């Protein structure tokens, strides 16, 4: 699955909890609050002054890297 700006933060975290590391790098610590269940990645990026396209790219890169690591094991 690929992350999009339309997904909620909670949906992305369910794909892989390690995505919290990416959100944290962007200064977004909202993954632990109730807003994560209704706020989309794009909305959260705007609220935090973050480039949503870069955030989504980094989230997808993490997921791709995790998938490759799974294949190696």
N, C-alpha and C. Protein backbone atom coordinates (compact mmCIF):
# COMPACT_ATOMS: atom_id res chain seq x y z
N UNK A 1 0.82 -1.18 0.00
CA UNK A 1 0.00 0.00 0.00
C UNK A 1 0.87 1.24 0.00
N UNK A 2 0.35 2.28 -0.62
CA UNK A 2 1.09 3.53 -0.74
C UNK A 2 0.36 4.60 0.08
N UNK A 3 1.13 5.41 0.78
CA UNK A 3 0.58 6.51 1.57
C UNK A 3 0.18 7.65 0.65
N UNK A 4 -0.97 8.25 0.94
CA UNK A 4 -1.42 9.44 0.21
C UNK A 4 -1.74 10.54 1.22
N UNK A 5 -1.88 11.76 0.72
CA UNK A 5 -2.22 12.89 1.58
C UNK A 5 -3.63 12.78 2.14
N UNK A 6 -4.46 11.95 1.52
CA UNK A 6 -5.85 11.82 1.92
C UNK A 6 -6.07 10.84 3.06
N UNK A 7 -5.07 10.04 3.37
CA UNK A 7 -5.20 9.08 4.47
C UNK A 7 -5.05 9.78 5.80
N UNK A 8 -5.71 9.23 6.81
CA UNK A 8 -5.53 9.80 8.15
C UNK A 8 -4.18 9.33 8.70
N UNK A 9 -3.73 10.06 9.68
CA UNK A 9 -2.47 9.69 10.34
C UNK A 9 -2.60 8.30 10.94
N UNK A 10 -3.74 8.02 11.54
CA UNK A 10 -3.96 6.70 12.16
C UNK A 10 -3.87 5.58 11.12
N UNK A 11 -4.41 5.81 9.93
CA UNK A 11 -4.34 4.79 8.87
C UNK A 11 -2.89 4.51 8.50
N UNK A 12 -2.10 5.56 8.40
CA UNK A 12 -0.68 5.40 8.05
C UNK A 12 0.04 4.64 9.15
N UNK A 13 -0.23 4.98 10.38
CA UNK A 13 0.41 4.29 11.51
C UNK A 13 0.03 2.81 11.55
N UNK A 14 -1.19 2.49 11.15
CA UNK A 14 -1.61 1.08 11.11
C UNK A 14 -0.85 0.33 10.02
N UNK A 15 -0.50 1.01 8.93
CA UNK A 15 0.29 0.35 7.88
C UNK A 15 1.62 -0.12 8.43
N UNK A 16 2.24 0.77 9.23
CA UNK A 16 3.52 0.44 9.84
C UNK A 16 3.77 1.43 10.97
N UNK A 17 3.84 0.97 12.21
CA UNK A 17 4.06 1.87 13.34
C UNK A 17 5.36 2.68 13.24
N UNK A 18 6.32 2.18 12.46
CA UNK A 18 7.58 2.91 12.32
C UNK A 18 7.42 4.23 11.58
N UNK A 19 6.25 4.44 10.95
CA UNK A 19 6.01 5.72 10.28
C UNK A 19 5.99 6.86 11.29
N UNK A 20 5.78 6.54 12.56
CA UNK A 20 5.83 7.56 13.62
C UNK A 20 7.19 8.25 13.62
N UNK A 21 8.25 7.52 13.27
CA UNK A 21 9.59 8.11 13.21
C UNK A 21 9.64 9.23 12.18
N UNK A 22 8.97 9.03 11.04
CA UNK A 22 8.96 10.04 9.98
C UNK A 22 8.16 11.26 10.45
N UNK A 23 6.98 11.02 11.00
CA UNK A 23 6.20 12.15 11.51
C UNK A 23 7.01 12.95 12.53
N UNK A 24 7.71 12.27 13.41
CA UNK A 24 8.51 12.94 14.44
C UNK A 24 9.62 13.78 13.82
N UNK A 25 10.28 13.27 12.80
CA UNK A 25 11.33 14.04 12.12
C UNK A 25 10.80 15.36 11.57
N UNK A 26 9.55 15.37 11.20
CA UNK A 26 8.92 16.58 10.67
C UNK A 26 8.31 17.45 11.76
N UNK A 27 8.55 17.10 13.02
CA UNK A 27 8.03 17.88 14.13
C UNK A 27 6.56 17.65 14.39
N UNK A 28 6.07 16.53 13.86
CA UNK A 28 4.66 16.20 14.00
C UNK A 28 4.54 15.08 15.03
N UNK A 29 4.08 15.46 16.20
CA UNK A 29 3.97 14.50 17.30
C UNK A 29 2.52 14.13 17.56
N UNK A 30 1.67 14.38 16.57
CA UNK A 30 0.22 14.22 16.73
C UNK A 30 -0.23 12.77 16.60
N UNK A 31 0.67 11.85 16.36
CA UNK A 31 0.27 10.46 16.14
C UNK A 31 -0.29 9.82 17.40
N UNK A 32 -0.06 10.43 18.55
CA UNK A 32 -0.57 9.86 19.78
C UNK A 32 -1.86 10.49 20.26
N UNK A 33 -2.37 11.48 19.55
CA UNK A 33 -3.57 12.17 20.04
C UNK A 33 -4.80 11.76 19.23
N UNK A 34 -5.97 12.12 19.74
CA UNK A 34 -7.22 11.71 19.10
C UNK A 34 -7.41 12.32 17.72
N UNK A 35 -6.75 13.43 17.43
CA UNK A 35 -6.87 14.08 16.12
C UNK A 35 -6.31 13.17 15.02
N UNK A 36 -5.38 12.31 15.36
CA UNK A 36 -4.77 11.41 14.38
C UNK A 36 -5.80 10.52 13.69
N UNK A 37 -6.94 10.32 14.32
CA UNK A 37 -7.96 9.45 13.74
C UNK A 37 -8.83 10.16 12.71
N UNK A 38 -8.80 11.49 12.70
CA UNK A 38 -9.63 12.21 11.75
C UNK A 38 -8.84 13.14 10.84
N UNK A 39 -7.64 13.53 11.24
CA UNK A 39 -6.84 14.46 10.44
C UNK A 39 -6.05 13.69 9.39
N UNK A 40 -6.12 14.18 8.16
CA UNK A 40 -5.37 13.53 7.09
C UNK A 40 -3.91 13.95 7.14
N UNK A 41 -3.09 13.21 6.44
CA UNK A 41 -1.66 13.55 6.35
C UNK A 41 -1.51 14.95 5.76
N UNK A 42 -2.28 15.25 4.72
CA UNK A 42 -2.20 16.56 4.09
C UNK A 42 -2.62 17.68 5.03
N UNK A 43 -3.70 17.47 5.77
CA UNK A 43 -4.16 18.48 6.73
C UNK A 43 -3.13 18.70 7.83
N UNK A 44 -2.57 17.63 8.33
CA UNK A 44 -1.56 17.73 9.39
C UNK A 44 -0.32 18.45 8.88
N UNK A 45 0.08 18.16 7.65
CA UNK A 45 1.25 18.82 7.07
C UNK A 45 1.01 20.33 7.00
N UNK A 46 -0.15 20.72 6.49
CA UNK A 46 -0.47 22.16 6.41
C UNK A 46 -0.47 22.80 7.79
N UNK A 47 -1.05 22.15 8.77
CA UNK A 47 -1.13 22.69 10.12
C UNK A 47 0.25 22.88 10.75
N UNK A 48 1.21 22.06 10.32
CA UNK A 48 2.56 22.13 10.89
C UNK A 48 3.55 22.84 9.96
N UNK A 49 3.07 23.40 8.85
CA UNK A 49 3.95 24.10 7.93
C UNK A 49 4.94 23.19 7.23
N UNK A 50 4.50 21.97 6.96
CA UNK A 50 5.35 20.95 6.34
C UNK A 50 4.92 20.74 4.90
N UNK A 51 5.88 20.50 4.02
CA UNK A 51 5.57 20.17 2.63
C UNK A 51 4.96 18.76 2.60
N UNK A 52 3.69 18.68 2.27
CA UNK A 52 2.97 17.41 2.30
C UNK A 52 3.55 16.41 1.31
N UNK A 53 3.99 16.88 0.15
CA UNK A 53 4.55 15.96 -0.84
C UNK A 53 5.85 15.33 -0.35
N UNK A 54 6.69 16.11 0.32
CA UNK A 54 7.93 15.55 0.88
C UNK A 54 7.63 14.56 2.00
N UNK A 55 6.68 14.91 2.84
CA UNK A 55 6.29 14.02 3.93
C UNK A 55 5.79 12.69 3.39
N UNK A 56 4.90 12.74 2.41
CA UNK A 56 4.36 11.51 1.81
C UNK A 56 5.47 10.71 1.16
N UNK A 57 6.39 11.38 0.47
CA UNK A 57 7.51 10.67 -0.16
C UNK A 57 8.36 9.96 0.88
N UNK A 58 8.63 10.62 2.00
CA UNK A 58 9.43 9.99 3.06
C UNK A 58 8.70 8.82 3.71
N UNK A 59 7.39 8.98 3.91
CA UNK A 59 6.61 7.87 4.46
C UNK A 59 6.63 6.67 3.53
N UNK A 60 6.46 6.92 2.24
CA UNK A 60 6.48 5.82 1.27
C UNK A 60 7.86 5.19 1.14
N UNK A 61 8.90 6.01 1.29
CA UNK A 61 10.26 5.46 1.26
C UNK A 61 10.48 4.52 2.43
N UNK A 62 10.03 4.91 3.61
CA UNK A 62 10.16 4.03 4.77
C UNK A 62 9.42 2.72 4.53
N UNK A 63 8.20 2.80 4.03
CA UNK A 63 7.42 1.58 3.78
C UNK A 63 8.10 0.69 2.74
N UNK A 64 8.66 1.29 1.70
CA UNK A 64 9.36 0.52 0.67
C UNK A 64 10.60 -0.16 1.24
N UNK A 65 11.33 0.57 2.07
CA UNK A 65 12.54 0.00 2.68
C UNK A 65 12.18 -1.14 3.62
N UNK A 66 11.11 -0.99 4.37
CA UNK A 66 10.66 -2.05 5.27
C UNK A 66 10.26 -3.29 4.48
N UNK A 67 9.59 -3.07 3.35
CA UNK A 67 9.17 -4.19 2.51
C UNK A 67 10.38 -4.94 1.95
N UNK A 68 11.41 -4.19 1.55
CA UNK A 68 12.63 -4.82 1.04
C UNK A 68 13.33 -5.61 2.13
N UNK A 69 13.36 -5.07 3.35
CA UNK A 69 13.99 -5.79 4.46
C UNK A 69 13.25 -7.07 4.75
N UNK A 70 11.93 -7.04 4.66
CA UNK A 70 11.13 -8.25 4.89
C UNK A 70 11.46 -9.32 3.86
N UNK A 71 11.70 -8.92 2.62
CA UNK A 71 12.03 -9.86 1.55
C UNK A 71 13.37 -10.54 1.80
N UNK A 72 14.30 -9.77 2.42
CA UNK A 72 15.63 -10.30 2.67
C UNK A 72 15.64 -11.32 3.82
N UNK A 73 14.65 -11.26 4.69
CA UNK A 73 14.63 -12.17 5.86
C UNK A 73 13.73 -13.28 5.59
